[in-house]
Amino acid sequence: MTIARGRSTRCSPVYCLDLGQWLLPRTPGKYLIGQRKLFLDDDSIVRIENLERMMRPPQKRGTVVRSDNPTQAIQTGMAPIWDPDAEHFKLCVLKTDEPLRVSSDGQHWMTGPKPYMRIVHPTRDPYDPDPGRRFKASWLNAGFAVSPDAVPWTKLDVPTVPSSDEGNLSYDLCEGLFIHSVKRGGPFGPAIVLANSRDFKTWNDHGLVFHVNKRVQELGVEAI
């Protein structure tokens, strides 16, 4: 089943391309166009025609992204990003001489063009009117950057979100919100800090949002 995608801030009918018909949500405001769902339960669909409900178990494929140099390991801090302009997935990896990998099916990967800068946490913004800012990335303490295709990157002159050595960047399509989580020191060791932005220029740093407590530290000592 293929669901047509679009952008909406309210509950809307969803068009099923494979069936050529509309699937109408029962509960207003519960599902939005552009939100991907792992499961669709009976409460979500008014009517099903010529469609069989099936549950297919995942198939193990083994390692699909390998280093061309066996002495180099591969690390990544992102999920693959589908680029509809290039018609393939993109994946930025670390600790290898080939930091950008591309794949048309998500299973068979090949080395892509070498990015101008080391990128760890990219995301794609399909709604920015400037195609030169289609891809956006965080550099942790080094700031933020934009790119048309994840190869040439331009560093932005915007304030950084202070962090230590870990972070993550994601984009909420429905809310139009960039979400940036980073690691900082907390009362009992490393903790998570959250910042967000709607324009990728001005960031709201909400400070500490999660940390372990004293009991977790005690359990850690006992386990060691």
N, C-alpha and C. Protein backbone atom coordinates (compact mmCIF):
# COMPACT_ATOMS: atom_id res chain seq x y z
N MET A 1 0.84 -1.18 0.00
CA MET A 1 0.00 0.00 0.00
C MET A 1 0.88 1.23 0.00
N THR A 2 0.65 2.17 -0.90
CA THR A 2 1.42 3.40 -0.99
C THR A 2 0.52 4.57 -0.65
N ILE A 3 0.95 5.36 0.32
CA ILE A 3 0.16 6.49 0.75
C ILE A 3 0.74 7.78 0.16
N ALA A 4 -0.12 8.58 -0.46
CA ALA A 4 0.32 9.86 -1.00
C ALA A 4 0.70 10.77 0.16
N ARG A 5 1.79 11.52 -0.03
CA ARG A 5 2.28 12.36 1.05
C ARG A 5 2.10 13.83 0.70
N GLY A 6 1.89 14.63 1.72
CA GLY A 6 1.78 16.06 1.55
C GLY A 6 2.00 16.72 2.88
N ARG A 7 1.78 18.01 2.96
CA ARG A 7 1.96 18.71 4.22
C ARG A 7 0.63 19.28 4.68
N SER A 8 0.30 19.06 5.94
CA SER A 8 -0.95 19.55 6.47
C SER A 8 -0.79 19.74 7.96
N THR A 9 -1.55 20.67 8.53
CA THR A 9 -1.54 20.85 9.97
C THR A 9 -2.87 20.41 10.58
N ARG A 10 -3.66 19.72 9.83
CA ARG A 10 -4.93 19.22 10.34
C ARG A 10 -5.17 17.83 9.79
N CYS A 11 -6.12 17.14 10.39
CA CYS A 11 -6.42 15.78 9.95
C CYS A 11 -7.06 15.81 8.57
N SER A 12 -6.55 15.01 7.64
CA SER A 12 -7.03 15.04 6.26
C SER A 12 -7.18 13.62 5.73
N PRO A 13 -8.02 13.42 4.70
CA PRO A 13 -8.08 12.11 4.05
C PRO A 13 -6.73 11.77 3.44
N VAL A 14 -6.42 10.49 3.38
CA VAL A 14 -5.17 10.02 2.82
C VAL A 14 -5.48 9.21 1.57
N TYR A 15 -4.82 9.52 0.46
CA TYR A 15 -5.08 8.84 -0.80
C TYR A 15 -4.13 7.68 -0.98
N CYS A 16 -4.65 6.49 -1.21
CA CYS A 16 -3.85 5.29 -1.41
C CYS A 16 -3.59 5.11 -2.90
N LEU A 17 -2.34 5.29 -3.32
CA LEU A 17 -2.01 5.26 -4.74
C LEU A 17 -2.24 3.89 -5.34
N ASP A 18 -1.91 2.83 -4.59
CA ASP A 18 -2.04 1.47 -5.12
C ASP A 18 -3.50 1.12 -5.39
N LEU A 19 -4.41 1.60 -4.54
CA LEU A 19 -5.82 1.23 -4.66
C LEU A 19 -6.61 2.27 -5.44
N GLY A 20 -6.08 3.47 -5.57
CA GLY A 20 -6.82 4.52 -6.24
C GLY A 20 -8.04 4.95 -5.47
N GLN A 21 -7.96 5.00 -4.15
CA GLN A 21 -9.10 5.39 -3.34
C GLN A 21 -8.62 6.11 -2.09
N TRP A 22 -9.58 6.73 -1.41
CA TRP A 22 -9.27 7.50 -0.21
C TRP A 22 -9.47 6.65 1.03
N LEU A 23 -8.58 6.78 1.99
CA LEU A 23 -8.73 6.18 3.31
C LEU A 23 -9.04 7.31 4.28
N LEU A 24 -10.23 7.25 4.89
CA LEU A 24 -10.67 8.35 5.73
C LEU A 24 -10.42 8.04 7.20
N PRO A 25 -9.68 8.88 7.93
CA PRO A 25 -9.46 8.64 9.34
C PRO A 25 -10.74 8.84 10.13
N ARG A 26 -10.98 7.98 11.12
CA ARG A 26 -12.17 8.08 11.96
C ARG A 26 -12.03 9.21 12.98
N THR A 27 -10.82 9.37 13.53
CA THR A 27 -10.63 10.29 14.64
C THR A 27 -10.00 11.58 14.15
N PRO A 28 -10.74 12.69 14.12
CA PRO A 28 -10.15 13.96 13.65
C PRO A 28 -8.95 14.35 14.49
N GLY A 29 -7.91 14.83 13.81
CA GLY A 29 -6.74 15.32 14.50
C GLY A 29 -5.77 14.26 14.94
N LYS A 30 -6.08 12.98 14.69
CA LYS A 30 -5.20 11.92 15.19
C LYS A 30 -4.07 11.61 14.23
N TYR A 31 -4.34 11.64 12.92
CA TYR A 31 -3.32 11.33 11.92
C TYR A 31 -3.21 12.48 10.94
N LEU A 32 -1.98 12.83 10.59
CA LEU A 32 -1.73 13.93 9.70
C LEU A 32 -1.03 13.44 8.45
N ILE A 33 -1.33 14.06 7.33
CA ILE A 33 -0.60 13.76 6.11
C ILE A 33 0.87 14.12 6.33
N GLY A 34 1.76 13.23 5.95
CA GLY A 34 3.18 13.44 6.18
C GLY A 34 3.70 12.68 7.37
N GLN A 35 2.80 12.23 8.27
CA GLN A 35 3.21 11.40 9.39
C GLN A 35 3.20 9.95 8.96
N ARG A 36 4.34 9.28 9.13
CA ARG A 36 4.42 7.87 8.79
C ARG A 36 4.03 7.03 9.99
N LYS A 37 3.23 6.01 9.76
CA LYS A 37 2.76 5.13 10.82
C LYS A 37 3.23 3.71 10.55
N LEU A 38 3.74 3.08 11.60
CA LEU A 38 4.17 1.69 11.46
C LEU A 38 2.97 0.77 11.32
N PHE A 39 1.89 1.06 12.04
CA PHE A 39 0.68 0.25 11.98
C PHE A 39 -0.54 1.15 11.78
N LEU A 40 -1.52 0.66 11.06
CA LEU A 40 -2.82 1.32 10.93
C LEU A 40 -3.86 0.41 11.55
N ASP A 41 -4.47 0.81 12.67
CA ASP A 41 -5.47 -0.05 13.31
C ASP A 41 -6.86 0.29 12.76
N ASP A 42 -7.86 -0.48 13.20
CA ASP A 42 -9.21 -0.31 12.68
C ASP A 42 -9.80 1.06 13.02
N ASP A 43 -9.30 1.68 14.07
CA ASP A 43 -9.82 2.97 14.47
C ASP A 43 -9.40 4.07 13.49
N SER A 44 -8.42 3.78 12.67
CA SER A 44 -7.86 4.81 11.79
C SER A 44 -8.53 4.85 10.42
N ILE A 45 -9.21 3.78 10.03
CA ILE A 45 -9.71 3.65 8.65
C ILE A 45 -11.21 3.37 8.68
N VAL A 46 -11.95 4.14 7.92
CA VAL A 46 -13.40 3.97 7.85
C VAL A 46 -13.77 2.72 7.07
N ARG A 47 -13.10 2.49 5.93
CA ARG A 47 -13.50 1.41 5.04
C ARG A 47 -12.27 0.84 4.35
N ILE A 48 -12.23 -0.49 4.20
CA ILE A 48 -11.15 -1.16 3.48
C ILE A 48 -11.76 -1.98 2.35
N GLU A 49 -11.28 -1.77 1.14
CA GLU A 49 -11.76 -2.51 -0.02
C GLU A 49 -10.59 -3.10 -0.79
N ASN A 50 -10.68 -4.39 -1.13
CA ASN A 50 -9.65 -5.06 -1.92
C ASN A 50 -8.26 -4.96 -1.30
N LEU A 51 -8.22 -5.02 0.01
CA LEU A 51 -6.96 -4.89 0.73
C LEU A 51 -6.91 -5.94 1.83
N GLU A 52 -5.87 -6.74 1.84
CA GLU A 52 -5.71 -7.81 2.83
C GLU A 52 -4.71 -7.38 3.89
N ARG A 53 -5.10 -7.55 5.15
CA ARG A 53 -4.21 -7.19 6.24
C ARG A 53 -3.17 -8.29 6.43
N MET A 54 -1.90 -7.93 6.35
CA MET A 54 -0.81 -8.90 6.47
C MET A 54 0.27 -8.36 7.39
N MET A 55 0.96 -9.27 8.06
CA MET A 55 2.09 -8.90 8.90
C MET A 55 3.30 -9.70 8.43
N ARG A 56 4.25 -9.04 7.82
CA ARG A 56 5.43 -9.72 7.31
C ARG A 56 6.60 -9.52 8.27
N PRO A 57 7.22 -10.59 8.71
CA PRO A 57 8.36 -10.44 9.63
C PRO A 57 9.55 -9.85 8.88
N PRO A 58 10.40 -9.09 9.58
CA PRO A 58 11.58 -8.54 8.91
C PRO A 58 12.55 -9.63 8.51
N GLN A 59 13.28 -9.40 7.44
CA GLN A 59 14.28 -10.35 6.96
C GLN A 59 15.68 -9.82 7.23
N LYS A 60 16.50 -10.62 7.87
CA LYS A 60 17.85 -10.20 8.19
C LYS A 60 18.69 -10.18 6.92
N ARG A 61 19.38 -9.07 6.67
CA ARG A 61 20.20 -8.91 5.48
C ARG A 61 21.69 -8.86 5.79
N GLY A 62 22.05 -8.85 7.07
CA GLY A 62 23.47 -8.77 7.43
C GLY A 62 24.01 -7.37 7.22
N THR A 63 25.31 -7.25 7.15
CA THR A 63 25.95 -5.95 6.97
C THR A 63 25.71 -5.43 5.56
N VAL A 64 25.20 -4.23 5.44
CA VAL A 64 24.92 -3.66 4.12
C VAL A 64 25.83 -2.46 3.82
N VAL A 65 26.41 -1.85 4.83
CA VAL A 65 27.33 -0.73 4.62
C VAL A 65 28.70 -1.15 5.14
N ARG A 66 29.63 -1.32 4.25
CA ARG A 66 30.97 -1.78 4.62
C ARG A 66 32.01 -0.74 4.22
N SER A 67 33.12 -0.77 4.93
CA SER A 67 34.24 0.10 4.59
C SER A 67 35.05 -0.52 3.47
N ASP A 68 35.48 0.31 2.52
CA ASP A 68 36.34 -0.19 1.46
C ASP A 68 37.72 -0.56 1.99
N ASN A 69 38.07 0.00 3.13
CA ASN A 69 39.35 -0.29 3.78
C ASN A 69 39.08 -1.15 5.01
N PRO A 70 39.50 -2.42 5.02
CA PRO A 70 39.18 -3.32 6.14
C PRO A 70 39.78 -2.87 7.46
N THR A 71 40.74 -1.94 7.44
CA THR A 71 41.33 -1.45 8.69
C THR A 71 40.51 -0.31 9.29
N GLN A 72 39.49 0.15 8.56
CA GLN A 72 38.66 1.26 9.04
C GLN A 72 37.27 0.75 9.39
N ALA A 73 36.83 1.07 10.60
CA ALA A 73 35.47 0.75 11.01
C ALA A 73 34.52 1.84 10.52
N ILE A 74 33.22 1.58 10.64
CA ILE A 74 32.23 2.58 10.22
C ILE A 74 31.33 2.91 11.39
N GLN A 75 31.09 4.20 11.57
CA GLN A 75 30.18 4.67 12.61
C GLN A 75 29.27 5.72 11.99
N THR A 76 28.02 5.77 12.45
CA THR A 76 27.11 6.80 11.95
C THR A 76 26.26 7.32 13.09
N GLY A 77 25.81 8.56 12.96
CA GLY A 77 24.95 9.16 13.96
C GLY A 77 23.62 9.58 13.37
N MET A 78 23.17 8.90 12.31
CA MET A 78 21.94 9.29 11.63
C MET A 78 21.27 8.08 11.01
N ALA A 79 20.02 8.25 10.60
CA ALA A 79 19.32 7.27 9.78
C ALA A 79 19.45 7.68 8.32
N PRO A 80 19.37 6.76 7.37
CA PRO A 80 19.45 7.15 5.95
C PRO A 80 18.38 8.18 5.58
N ILE A 81 18.74 9.12 4.73
CA ILE A 81 17.83 10.17 4.27
C ILE A 81 17.51 9.94 2.80
N TRP A 82 16.22 9.89 2.46
CA TRP A 82 15.83 9.76 1.06
C TRP A 82 15.89 11.14 0.40
N ASP A 83 16.63 11.22 -0.70
CA ASP A 83 16.75 12.45 -1.48
C ASP A 83 15.95 12.27 -2.77
N PRO A 84 14.74 12.82 -2.87
CA PRO A 84 13.92 12.62 -4.07
C PRO A 84 14.51 13.27 -5.31
N ASP A 85 15.33 14.29 -5.14
CA ASP A 85 15.95 14.93 -6.30
C ASP A 85 16.99 14.01 -6.94
N ALA A 86 17.79 13.34 -6.10
CA ALA A 86 18.81 12.41 -6.60
C ALA A 86 18.28 11.00 -6.75
N GLU A 87 17.09 10.73 -6.18
CA GLU A 87 16.44 9.42 -6.23
C GLU A 87 17.31 8.34 -5.59
N HIS A 88 17.88 8.67 -4.45
CA HIS A 88 18.57 7.65 -3.67
C HIS A 88 18.67 8.09 -2.21
N PHE A 89 18.97 7.10 -1.35
CA PHE A 89 19.20 7.38 0.06
C PHE A 89 20.62 7.91 0.23
N LYS A 90 20.81 8.73 1.27
CA LYS A 90 22.13 9.22 1.61
C LYS A 90 22.41 8.91 3.08
N LEU A 91 23.65 8.51 3.35
CA LEU A 91 24.06 8.16 4.70
C LEU A 91 25.46 8.70 4.94
N CYS A 92 25.61 9.55 5.95
CA CYS A 92 26.93 10.06 6.33
C CYS A 92 27.53 9.14 7.38
N VAL A 93 28.78 8.74 7.18
CA VAL A 93 29.45 7.82 8.10
C VAL A 93 30.77 8.43 8.57
N LEU A 94 31.30 7.88 9.66
CA LEU A 94 32.53 8.38 10.28
C LEU A 94 33.61 7.32 10.25
N LYS A 95 34.83 7.75 10.53
CA LYS A 95 35.98 6.87 10.69
C LYS A 95 36.33 6.10 9.43
N THR A 96 36.06 6.67 8.28
CA THR A 96 36.36 6.05 7.00
C THR A 96 36.73 7.13 5.99
N ASP A 97 37.45 6.74 4.94
CA ASP A 97 37.83 7.69 3.90
C ASP A 97 36.69 8.01 2.94
N GLU A 98 35.58 7.26 3.04
CA GLU A 98 34.41 7.48 2.18
C GLU A 98 33.23 7.89 3.06
N PRO A 99 33.13 9.17 3.45
CA PRO A 99 32.15 9.59 4.46
C PRO A 99 30.71 9.70 3.99
N LEU A 100 30.45 9.61 2.68
CA LEU A 100 29.08 9.68 2.18
C LEU A 100 28.78 8.43 1.37
N ARG A 101 27.71 7.73 1.74
CA ARG A 101 27.27 6.54 1.00
C ARG A 101 25.88 6.80 0.42
N VAL A 102 25.60 6.19 -0.73
CA VAL A 102 24.31 6.36 -1.39
C VAL A 102 23.75 5.00 -1.78
N SER A 103 22.42 4.91 -1.84
CA SER A 103 21.76 3.66 -2.20
C SER A 103 20.39 3.95 -2.77
N SER A 104 20.01 3.25 -3.81
CA SER A 104 18.69 3.43 -4.42
C SER A 104 17.63 2.58 -3.74
N ASP A 105 18.04 1.54 -3.00
CA ASP A 105 17.08 0.64 -2.39
C ASP A 105 17.26 0.44 -0.88
N GLY A 106 18.27 1.07 -0.28
CA GLY A 106 18.51 0.92 1.15
C GLY A 106 19.24 -0.34 1.52
N GLN A 107 19.55 -1.19 0.56
CA GLN A 107 20.23 -2.46 0.83
C GLN A 107 21.61 -2.50 0.18
N HIS A 108 21.71 -1.99 -1.02
CA HIS A 108 22.98 -2.00 -1.76
C HIS A 108 23.55 -0.58 -1.76
N TRP A 109 24.69 -0.40 -1.10
CA TRP A 109 25.28 0.91 -0.90
C TRP A 109 26.58 1.05 -1.67
N MET A 110 26.84 2.27 -2.14
CA MET A 110 28.09 2.57 -2.84
C MET A 110 28.63 3.91 -2.34
N THR A 111 29.90 4.15 -2.59
CA THR A 111 30.53 5.39 -2.17
C THR A 111 30.00 6.56 -2.98
N GLY A 112 29.63 7.64 -2.30
CA GLY A 112 29.15 8.84 -2.96
C GLY A 112 30.23 9.90 -3.05
N PRO A 113 29.91 11.08 -3.55
CA PRO A 113 30.88 12.17 -3.61
C PRO A 113 31.37 12.52 -2.20
N LYS A 114 32.60 12.97 -2.09
CA LYS A 114 33.14 13.30 -0.78
C LYS A 114 32.68 14.69 -0.36
N PRO A 115 31.99 14.79 0.78
CA PRO A 115 31.55 16.11 1.25
C PRO A 115 32.72 17.05 1.51
N TYR A 116 32.48 18.34 1.35
CA TYR A 116 33.53 19.32 1.55
C TYR A 116 33.92 19.43 3.02
N MET A 117 33.00 19.03 3.91
CA MET A 117 33.24 19.12 5.34
C MET A 117 32.80 17.83 6.02
N ARG A 118 33.33 17.57 7.19
CA ARG A 118 32.93 16.40 7.97
C ARG A 118 31.55 16.65 8.57
N ILE A 119 30.57 15.86 8.14
CA ILE A 119 29.19 16.03 8.59
C ILE A 119 28.77 14.79 9.38
N VAL A 120 28.15 15.04 10.54
CA VAL A 120 27.75 13.93 11.40
C VAL A 120 26.23 13.83 11.53
N HIS A 121 25.56 14.97 11.67
CA HIS A 121 24.13 14.96 11.97
C HIS A 121 23.34 15.77 10.95
N PRO A 122 23.17 15.28 9.72
CA PRO A 122 22.39 16.02 8.73
C PRO A 122 20.90 15.65 8.77
N THR A 123 20.09 16.51 8.20
CA THR A 123 18.68 16.22 7.98
C THR A 123 18.27 16.96 6.70
N ARG A 124 17.12 16.62 6.16
CA ARG A 124 16.66 17.24 4.91
C ARG A 124 15.39 18.03 5.17
N ASP A 125 15.37 19.26 4.68
CA ASP A 125 14.22 20.15 4.83
C ASP A 125 13.58 20.35 3.46
N PRO A 126 12.47 19.67 3.15
CA PRO A 126 11.87 19.78 1.82
C PRO A 126 11.12 21.08 1.60
N TYR A 127 10.93 21.89 2.64
CA TYR A 127 10.07 23.07 2.53
C TYR A 127 10.83 24.39 2.47
N ASP A 128 12.14 24.37 2.63
CA ASP A 128 12.89 25.61 2.54
C ASP A 128 12.81 26.14 1.10
N PRO A 129 12.40 27.39 0.90
CA PRO A 129 12.28 27.92 -0.48
C PRO A 129 13.63 28.06 -1.18
N ASP A 130 14.72 28.04 -0.42
CA ASP A 130 16.05 28.14 -1.00
C ASP A 130 16.61 26.73 -1.21
N PRO A 131 16.74 26.25 -2.46
CA PRO A 131 17.26 24.90 -2.69
C PRO A 131 18.69 24.71 -2.21
N GLY A 132 19.42 25.81 -2.01
CA GLY A 132 20.77 25.71 -1.49
C GLY A 132 20.81 25.37 -0.01
N ARG A 133 19.64 25.39 0.65
CA ARG A 133 19.54 25.06 2.07
C ARG A 133 18.71 23.79 2.28
N ARG A 134 18.65 22.95 1.24
CA ARG A 134 17.80 21.76 1.34
C ARG A 134 18.26 20.83 2.46
N PHE A 135 19.57 20.63 2.58
CA PHE A 135 20.12 19.80 3.66
C PHE A 135 20.68 20.71 4.75
N LYS A 136 20.47 20.32 5.99
CA LYS A 136 20.94 21.09 7.13
C LYS A 136 21.63 20.14 8.10
N ALA A 137 22.63 20.67 8.80
CA ALA A 137 23.40 19.80 9.69
C ALA A 137 23.88 20.58 10.91
N SER A 138 24.08 19.86 12.01
CA SER A 138 24.68 20.44 13.20
C SER A 138 26.13 19.98 13.29
N TRP A 139 26.97 20.88 13.78
CA TRP A 139 28.38 20.58 14.00
C TRP A 139 28.72 20.58 15.48
N LEU A 140 27.70 20.39 16.31
CA LEU A 140 27.87 20.48 17.75
C LEU A 140 28.47 21.84 18.09
N ASN A 141 29.61 21.91 18.77
CA ASN A 141 30.15 23.20 19.20
C ASN A 141 30.66 24.06 18.06
N ALA A 142 30.78 23.50 16.87
CA ALA A 142 31.25 24.28 15.72
C ALA A 142 30.12 25.03 15.04
N GLY A 143 28.86 24.78 15.39
CA GLY A 143 27.74 25.50 14.82
C GLY A 143 26.88 24.67 13.89
N PHE A 144 26.38 25.33 12.82
CA PHE A 144 25.44 24.69 11.89
C PHE A 144 25.84 24.99 10.45
N ALA A 145 25.36 24.14 9.52
CA ALA A 145 25.71 24.30 8.11
C ALA A 145 24.54 23.90 7.23
N VAL A 146 24.54 24.37 5.98
CA VAL A 146 23.50 24.04 5.01
C VAL A 146 24.14 23.59 3.70
N SER A 147 23.38 22.85 2.90
CA SER A 147 23.89 22.32 1.65
C SER A 147 22.74 22.03 0.69
N PRO A 148 22.97 22.13 -0.62
CA PRO A 148 21.91 21.76 -1.57
C PRO A 148 21.74 20.25 -1.71
N ASP A 149 22.82 19.47 -1.49
CA ASP A 149 22.75 18.04 -1.76
C ASP A 149 23.62 17.19 -0.83
N ALA A 150 24.06 17.75 0.29
CA ALA A 150 24.88 17.05 1.29
C ALA A 150 26.33 16.85 0.84
N VAL A 151 26.77 17.58 -0.20
CA VAL A 151 28.17 17.49 -0.63
C VAL A 151 28.89 18.81 -0.33
N PRO A 152 28.59 19.93 -1.02
CA PRO A 152 29.18 21.20 -0.59
C PRO A 152 28.37 21.76 0.59
N TRP A 153 29.07 22.16 1.63
CA TRP A 153 28.41 22.69 2.83
C TRP A 153 28.88 24.11 3.10
N THR A 154 27.96 24.94 3.59
CA THR A 154 28.27 26.32 3.96
C THR A 154 27.96 26.51 5.44
N LYS A 155 28.96 26.94 6.19
CA LYS A 155 28.78 27.18 7.61
C LYS A 155 27.95 28.44 7.83
N LEU A 156 26.98 28.37 8.75
CA LEU A 156 26.11 29.50 9.03
C LEU A 156 26.68 30.37 10.15
N ASP A 157 26.45 31.65 10.04
CA ASP A 157 26.89 32.58 11.07
C ASP A 157 25.77 32.74 12.09
N VAL A 158 25.57 31.70 12.89
CA VAL A 158 24.53 31.69 13.93
C VAL A 158 25.16 31.17 15.21
N PRO A 159 24.58 31.51 16.38
CA PRO A 159 25.12 31.02 17.64
C PRO A 159 25.05 29.49 17.72
N THR A 160 25.98 28.90 18.43
CA THR A 160 26.00 27.45 18.61
C THR A 160 25.13 27.06 19.80
N VAL A 161 24.84 25.76 19.87
CA VAL A 161 24.20 25.17 21.06
C VAL A 161 25.30 24.40 21.78
N PRO A 162 25.79 24.89 22.91
CA PRO A 162 26.94 24.25 23.59
C PRO A 162 26.68 22.78 23.88
N SER A 163 27.70 21.95 23.63
CA SER A 163 27.55 20.51 23.83
C SER A 163 28.91 19.90 24.14
N SER A 164 28.89 18.63 24.49
CA SER A 164 30.15 17.90 24.62
C SER A 164 30.35 17.10 23.34
N ASP A 165 30.48 15.78 23.41
CA ASP A 165 30.89 15.03 22.22
C ASP A 165 29.76 14.29 21.53
N GLU A 166 28.52 14.46 21.96
CA GLU A 166 27.41 13.73 21.33
C GLU A 166 26.25 14.67 21.06
N GLY A 167 25.51 14.36 19.99
CA GLY A 167 24.33 15.15 19.67
C GLY A 167 23.50 14.47 18.60
N ASN A 168 22.36 15.06 18.28
CA ASN A 168 21.48 14.53 17.25
C ASN A 168 20.63 15.66 16.71
N LEU A 169 20.31 15.58 15.41
CA LEU A 169 19.46 16.58 14.77
C LEU A 169 18.36 15.89 13.98
N SER A 170 17.12 16.34 14.16
CA SER A 170 16.00 15.80 13.40
C SER A 170 15.06 16.94 13.02
N TYR A 171 14.18 16.65 12.06
CA TYR A 171 13.24 17.66 11.58
C TYR A 171 11.83 17.09 11.61
N ASP A 172 10.94 17.74 12.34
CA ASP A 172 9.54 17.34 12.42
C ASP A 172 8.80 17.99 11.25
N LEU A 173 8.45 17.20 10.24
CA LEU A 173 7.83 17.72 9.03
C LEU A 173 6.48 18.39 9.32
N CYS A 174 5.70 17.76 10.18
CA CYS A 174 4.34 18.28 10.44
C CYS A 174 4.38 19.58 11.24
N GLU A 175 5.31 19.70 12.16
CA GLU A 175 5.39 20.89 12.99
C GLU A 175 6.34 21.95 12.42
N GLY A 176 7.14 21.57 11.41
CA GLY A 176 8.12 22.50 10.87
C GLY A 176 9.15 22.90 11.92
N LEU A 177 9.61 21.90 12.69
CA LEU A 177 10.46 22.18 13.84
C LEU A 177 11.74 21.35 13.79
N PHE A 178 12.88 22.02 13.89
CA PHE A 178 14.17 21.34 14.02
C PHE A 178 14.41 21.04 15.49
N ILE A 179 14.80 19.81 15.78
CA ILE A 179 15.01 19.36 17.15
C ILE A 179 16.46 18.92 17.29
N HIS A 180 17.17 19.56 18.22
CA HIS A 180 18.59 19.31 18.40
C HIS A 180 18.84 18.89 19.85
N SER A 181 19.26 17.65 20.04
CA SER A 181 19.60 17.18 21.38
C SER A 181 21.11 17.01 21.47
N VAL A 182 21.68 17.41 22.62
CA VAL A 182 23.12 17.32 22.82
C VAL A 182 23.41 16.79 24.22
N LYS A 183 24.65 16.39 24.41
CA LYS A 183 25.09 15.90 25.72
C LYS A 183 25.83 16.99 26.47
N ARG A 184 25.44 17.17 27.74
CA ARG A 184 26.15 18.06 28.64
C ARG A 184 26.28 17.37 30.00
N GLY A 185 27.04 17.96 30.87
CA GLY A 185 27.18 17.41 32.21
C GLY A 185 25.95 17.69 33.06
N GLY A 186 25.49 16.67 33.78
CA GLY A 186 24.36 16.81 34.68
C GLY A 186 24.78 16.58 36.12
N PRO A 187 23.83 16.54 37.04
CA PRO A 187 24.17 16.36 38.45
C PRO A 187 24.76 14.99 38.77
N PHE A 188 24.52 14.01 37.90
CA PHE A 188 25.06 12.66 38.13
C PHE A 188 25.75 12.13 36.88
N GLY A 189 26.45 13.00 36.17
CA GLY A 189 27.16 12.56 34.98
C GLY A 189 26.53 13.12 33.71
N PRO A 190 26.78 12.49 32.55
CA PRO A 190 26.25 12.99 31.29
C PRO A 190 24.73 13.08 31.30
N ALA A 191 24.20 14.13 30.66
CA ALA A 191 22.76 14.37 30.61
C ALA A 191 22.39 14.89 29.23
N ILE A 192 21.09 14.90 28.95
CA ILE A 192 20.58 15.32 27.64
C ILE A 192 19.98 16.72 27.74
N VAL A 193 20.38 17.57 26.78
CA VAL A 193 19.87 18.93 26.67
C VAL A 193 19.12 19.05 25.35
N LEU A 194 18.03 19.81 25.33
CA LEU A 194 17.20 19.93 24.14
C LEU A 194 17.12 21.38 23.68
N ALA A 195 17.27 21.57 22.36
CA ALA A 195 17.08 22.88 21.75
C ALA A 195 16.24 22.70 20.49
N ASN A 196 15.48 23.72 20.10
CA ASN A 196 14.70 23.62 18.87
C ASN A 196 14.67 24.95 18.14
N SER A 197 14.31 24.87 16.85
CA SER A 197 14.29 26.06 16.01
C SER A 197 13.32 25.84 14.86
N ARG A 198 12.68 26.92 14.41
CA ARG A 198 11.79 26.83 13.25
C ARG A 198 12.43 27.38 11.98
N ASP A 199 13.49 28.13 12.12
CA ASP A 199 14.12 28.73 10.94
C ASP A 199 15.58 28.32 10.76
N PHE A 200 16.10 27.48 11.64
CA PHE A 200 17.49 27.03 11.62
C PHE A 200 18.46 28.18 11.82
N LYS A 201 17.97 29.25 12.42
CA LYS A 201 18.82 30.40 12.72
C LYS A 201 18.78 30.72 14.21
N THR A 202 17.57 30.83 14.74
CA THR A 202 17.38 31.15 16.15
C THR A 202 17.01 29.87 16.89
N TRP A 203 17.83 29.51 17.89
CA TRP A 203 17.62 28.27 18.62
C TRP A 203 17.16 28.57 20.05
N ASN A 204 16.14 27.83 20.48
CA ASN A 204 15.66 27.92 21.85
C ASN A 204 16.31 26.79 22.65
N ASP A 205 17.21 27.15 23.54
CA ASP A 205 17.92 26.17 24.36
C ASP A 205 17.11 25.94 25.63
N HIS A 206 16.48 24.76 25.73
CA HIS A 206 15.63 24.45 26.88
C HIS A 206 16.41 23.87 28.05
N GLY A 207 17.70 23.71 27.88
CA GLY A 207 18.51 23.21 28.98
C GLY A 207 18.31 21.72 29.22
N LEU A 208 18.64 21.32 30.42
CA LEU A 208 18.60 19.90 30.80
C LEU A 208 17.18 19.35 30.78
N VAL A 209 16.97 18.24 30.05
CA VAL A 209 15.64 17.62 30.00
C VAL A 209 15.66 16.19 30.52
N PHE A 210 16.84 15.59 30.64
CA PHE A 210 16.90 14.21 31.13
C PHE A 210 18.28 13.93 31.72
N HIS A 211 18.29 13.27 32.89
CA HIS A 211 19.55 12.82 33.47
C HIS A 211 19.26 11.65 34.40
N VAL A 212 20.27 10.87 34.68
CA VAL A 212 20.10 9.75 35.61
C VAL A 212 20.08 10.30 37.03
N ASN A 213 19.67 9.44 37.99
CA ASN A 213 19.64 9.87 39.38
C ASN A 213 20.74 9.17 40.19
N LYS A 214 20.76 9.45 41.46
CA LYS A 214 21.81 8.92 42.32
C LYS A 214 21.76 7.40 42.38
N ARG A 215 20.54 6.84 42.35
CA ARG A 215 20.39 5.39 42.44
C ARG A 215 21.03 4.69 41.25
N VAL A 216 20.91 5.26 40.06
CA VAL A 216 21.52 4.68 38.87
C VAL A 216 23.03 4.65 39.03
N GLN A 217 23.60 5.70 39.59
CA GLN A 217 25.04 5.72 39.82
C GLN A 217 25.45 4.63 40.81
N GLU A 218 24.64 4.42 41.84
CA GLU A 218 24.94 3.39 42.81
C GLU A 218 24.90 1.99 42.18
N LEU A 219 23.88 1.77 41.34
CA LEU A 219 23.77 0.49 40.65
C LEU A 219 24.94 0.26 39.71
N GLY A 220 25.43 1.34 39.09
CA GLY A 220 26.58 1.22 38.20
C GLY A 220 27.82 0.77 38.93
N VAL A 221 28.04 1.34 40.12
CA VAL A 221 29.19 0.94 40.92
C VAL A 221 29.08 -0.53 41.33
N GLU A 222 27.85 -0.95 41.71
CA GLU A 222 27.66 -2.35 42.10
C GLU A 222 27.91 -3.29 40.93
N ALA A 223 27.51 -2.91 39.73
CA ALA A 223 27.71 -3.77 38.56
C ALA A 223 29.17 -3.87 38.21
N ILE A 224 29.91 -2.79 38.38
CA ILE A 224 31.35 -2.82 38.08
C ILE A 224 32.09 -3.67 39.09
